[in-house]
Each structure stands twice: as C-alpha cells, then as structure tokens.
Amino acid sequence: MAWAIHALVGLLGTGSWAAINGVWVELPLLVPSAPEGWLLPSCLTVIIQLANVGPLAVTLAHRLRPGWLDEVGAIYALLGLGVPSGPASL
C-alpha cells in the first residue's frame, strides 16, 4: 500500500482514539449521575477490548490464509450488524 493510504488509516484511527479518550476523561462527571454507577467504566472497558478482536481476526486471516477472507462480504456484514443496532440503542 502507498504511504498516503497508511497515513489516512492512521488519521481515521486517531479520530476513534480521541473519541474513546474523551469518554474516559468525562467518566468522573458521568459516573455519579449515571444509573449504572461504576458499572459503566467496567462495561466500557470490556466493550473497548472486544472491539480489538475484529482487526486482530482480519490480520490473522490475511497472514495465515491469504485470499480466504472476502473483504467486501465482511464490510457488508459489519454494516448489516451496525446499521440496525444504531436505532435499537435509542
């Protein structure tokens, strides 16, 4: 891949990293007023760590079985899972 693509992927990751850090910075203000209390940071920790499994699985699939993973199908599967879960969380 070209260096520009790597830079763009890095910028995309930086945005996600900044958003997660923003939530962690605000937790001392959120915890006293949230009905979950201190369960909220615990759940966030588990969710954030589970989010690391996807990129690891894709990396291992590319490394161990090149050409096996259909990236277009994986993207559609993620969109098919993510789009309905957005309104469901409201």
C-alpha atoms as a PDB file:
ATOM      1  CA  MET A   1       0.000   0.000   0.000  1.00  0.00           C
ATOM      2  CA  ALA A   2       1.077   3.542  -0.593  1.00  0.00           C
ATOM      3  CA  TRP A   3       2.227   5.723   2.276  1.00  0.00           C
ATOM      4  CA  ALA A   4      -0.781   8.003   1.731  1.00  0.00           C
ATOM      5  CA  ILE A   5      -3.185   5.152   2.481  1.00  0.00           C
ATOM      6  CA  HIS A   6      -1.289   4.317   5.654  1.00  0.00           C
ATOM      7  CA  ALA A   7      -1.450   7.966   6.688  1.00  0.00           C
ATOM      8  CA  LEU A   8      -5.205   8.126   6.044  1.00  0.00           C
ATOM      9  CA  VAL A   9      -5.813   4.937   8.029  1.00  0.00           C
ATOM     10  CA  GLY A  10      -3.727   6.397  10.844  1.00  0.00           C
ATOM     11  CA  LEU A  11      -5.819   9.570  10.824  1.00  0.00           C
ATOM     12  CA  LEU A  12      -9.013   7.516  10.942  1.00  0.00           C
ATOM     13  CA  GLY A  13      -7.681   5.575  13.911  1.00  0.00           C
ATOM     14  CA  THR A  14      -6.628   8.782  15.633  1.00  0.00           C
ATOM     15  CA  GLY A  15     -10.207  10.061  15.490  1.00  0.00           C
ATOM     16  CA  SER A  16     -11.523   6.921  17.165  1.00  0.00           C
ATOM     17  CA  TRP A  17      -8.764   7.041  19.749  1.00  0.00           C
ATOM     18  CA  ALA A  18      -9.579  10.677  20.581  1.00  0.00           C
ATOM     19  CA  ALA A  19     -13.286   9.869  20.961  1.00  0.00           C
ATOM     20  CA  ILE A  20     -12.603   6.988  23.357  1.00  0.00           C
ATOM     21  CA  ASN A  21     -10.185   9.118  25.383  1.00  0.00           C
ATOM     22  CA  GLY A  22     -12.819  11.843  25.542  1.00  0.00           C
ATOM     23  CA  VAL A  23     -15.257   9.409  27.118  1.00  0.00           C
ATOM     24  CA  TRP A  24     -12.642   8.350  29.683  1.00  0.00           C
ATOM     25  CA  VAL A  25     -11.936  11.980  30.563  1.00  0.00           C
ATOM     26  CA  GLU A  26     -15.646  12.630  31.160  1.00  0.00           C
ATOM     27  CA  LEU A  27     -16.236   9.492  33.270  1.00  0.00           C
ATOM     28  CA  PRO A  28     -15.713  11.206  36.650  1.00  0.00           C
ATOM     29  CA  LEU A  29     -18.594  13.524  35.732  1.00  0.00           C
ATOM     30  CA  LEU A  30     -20.787  10.775  34.268  1.00  0.00           C
ATOM     31  CA  VAL A  31     -20.461   8.128  36.988  1.00  0.00           C
ATOM     32  CA  PRO A  32     -22.252   9.981  39.826  1.00  0.00           C
ATOM     33  CA  SER A  33     -25.258  10.847  37.661  1.00  0.00           C
ATOM     34  CA  ALA A  34     -25.494   7.639  35.630  1.00  0.00           C
ATOM     35  CA  PRO A  35     -27.835   4.934  36.923  1.00  0.00           C
ATOM     36  CA  GLU A  36     -25.132   2.333  36.183  1.00  0.00           C
ATOM     37  CA  GLY A  37     -22.655   3.996  38.535  1.00  0.00           C
ATOM     38  CA  TRP A  38     -19.235   2.367  38.472  1.00  0.00           C
ATOM     39  CA  LEU A  39     -20.567  -0.452  36.286  1.00  0.00           C
ATOM     40  CA  LEU A  40     -20.335   1.976  33.349  1.00  0.00           C
ATOM     41  CA  PRO A  41     -16.493   2.119  33.237  1.00  0.00           C
ATOM     42  CA  SER A  42     -16.331  -1.656  33.646  1.00  0.00           C
ATOM     43  CA  CYS A  43     -18.673  -2.231  30.717  1.00  0.00           C
ATOM     44  CA  LEU A  44     -16.811   0.308  28.587  1.00  0.00           C
ATOM     45  CA  THR A  45     -13.526  -1.467  29.279  1.00  0.00           C
ATOM     46  CA  VAL A  46     -14.920  -4.814  28.150  1.00  0.00           C
ATOM     47  CA  ILE A  47     -16.563  -3.321  25.047  1.00  0.00           C
ATOM     48  CA  ILE A  48     -13.401  -1.486  24.007  1.00  0.00           C
ATOM     49  CA  GLN A  49     -11.295  -4.615  24.447  1.00  0.00           C
ATOM     50  CA  LEU A  50     -13.780  -6.717  22.463  1.00  0.00           C
ATOM     51  CA  ALA A  51     -13.539  -4.169  19.648  1.00  0.00           C
ATOM     52  CA  ASN A  52      -9.870  -5.132  19.272  1.00  0.00           C
ATOM     53  CA  VAL A  53     -10.789  -8.706  18.314  1.00  0.00           C
ATOM     54  CA  GLY A  54     -12.060  -7.746  14.835  1.00  0.00           C
ATOM     55  CA  PRO A  55      -8.858  -6.181  13.495  1.00  0.00           C
ATOM     56  CA  LEU A  56      -6.841  -8.997  15.053  1.00  0.00           C
ATOM     57  CA  ALA A  57      -9.026 -11.604  13.328  1.00  0.00           C
ATOM     58  CA  VAL A  58      -8.670  -9.866   9.949  1.00  0.00           C
ATOM     59  CA  THR A  59      -4.898  -9.589  10.371  1.00  0.00           C
ATOM     60  CA  LEU A  60      -4.598 -13.271  11.271  1.00  0.00           C
ATOM     61  CA  ALA A  61      -6.847 -14.275   8.370  1.00  0.00           C
ATOM     62  CA  HIS A  62      -4.686 -12.313   5.923  1.00  0.00           C
ATOM     63  CA  ARG A  63      -1.478 -13.686   7.401  1.00  0.00           C
ATOM     64  CA  LEU A  64      -2.469 -17.348   7.818  1.00  0.00           C
ATOM     65  CA  ARG A  65      -4.877 -17.831   4.887  1.00  0.00           C
ATOM     66  CA  PRO A  66      -4.167 -15.236   2.175  1.00  0.00           C
ATOM     67  CA  GLY A  67      -7.115 -14.708  -0.162  1.00  0.00           C
ATOM     68  CA  TRP A  68      -9.543 -16.559   2.098  1.00  0.00           C
ATOM     69  CA  LEU A  69     -11.295 -13.533   3.580  1.00  0.00           C
ATOM     70  CA  ASP A  70     -13.820 -11.801   1.342  1.00  0.00           C
ATOM     71  CA  GLU A  71     -13.374  -8.193   2.421  1.00  0.00           C
ATOM     72  CA  VAL A  72     -16.476  -6.930   0.614  1.00  0.00           C
ATOM     73  CA  GLY A  73     -18.595  -9.546   2.370  1.00  0.00           C
ATOM     74  CA  ALA A  74     -17.021  -8.685   5.719  1.00  0.00           C
ATOM     75  CA  ILE A  75     -17.773  -4.989   5.218  1.00  0.00           C
ATOM     76  CA  TYR A  76     -21.389  -5.735   4.313  1.00  0.00           C
ATOM     77  CA  ALA A  77     -21.678  -7.988   7.365  1.00  0.00           C
ATOM     78  CA  LEU A  78     -20.380  -5.208   9.626  1.00  0.00           C
ATOM     79  CA  LEU A  79     -22.764  -2.697   8.060  1.00  0.00           C
ATOM     80  CA  GLY A  80     -25.636  -5.172   8.353  1.00  0.00           C
ATOM     81  CA  LEU A  81     -24.876  -5.556  12.045  1.00  0.00           C
ATOM     82  CA  GLY A  82     -24.121  -1.904  12.792  1.00  0.00           C
ATOM     83  CA  VAL A  83     -26.934  -0.101  10.973  1.00  0.00           C
ATOM     84  CA  PRO A  84     -29.819  -1.836  12.791  1.00  0.00           C
ATOM     85  CA  SER A  85     -28.048  -1.606  16.145  1.00  0.00           C
ATOM     86  CA  GLY A  86     -27.867   2.203  15.945  1.00  0.00           C
ATOM     87  CA  PRO A  87     -31.624   2.872  16.190  1.00  0.00           C
ATOM     88  CA  ALA A  88     -32.031  -0.090  18.546  1.00  0.00           C
ATOM     89  CA  SER A  89     -29.849   1.655  21.113  1.00  0.00           C
ATOM     90  CA  LEU A  90     -32.162   4.671  21.273  1.00  0.00           C
END
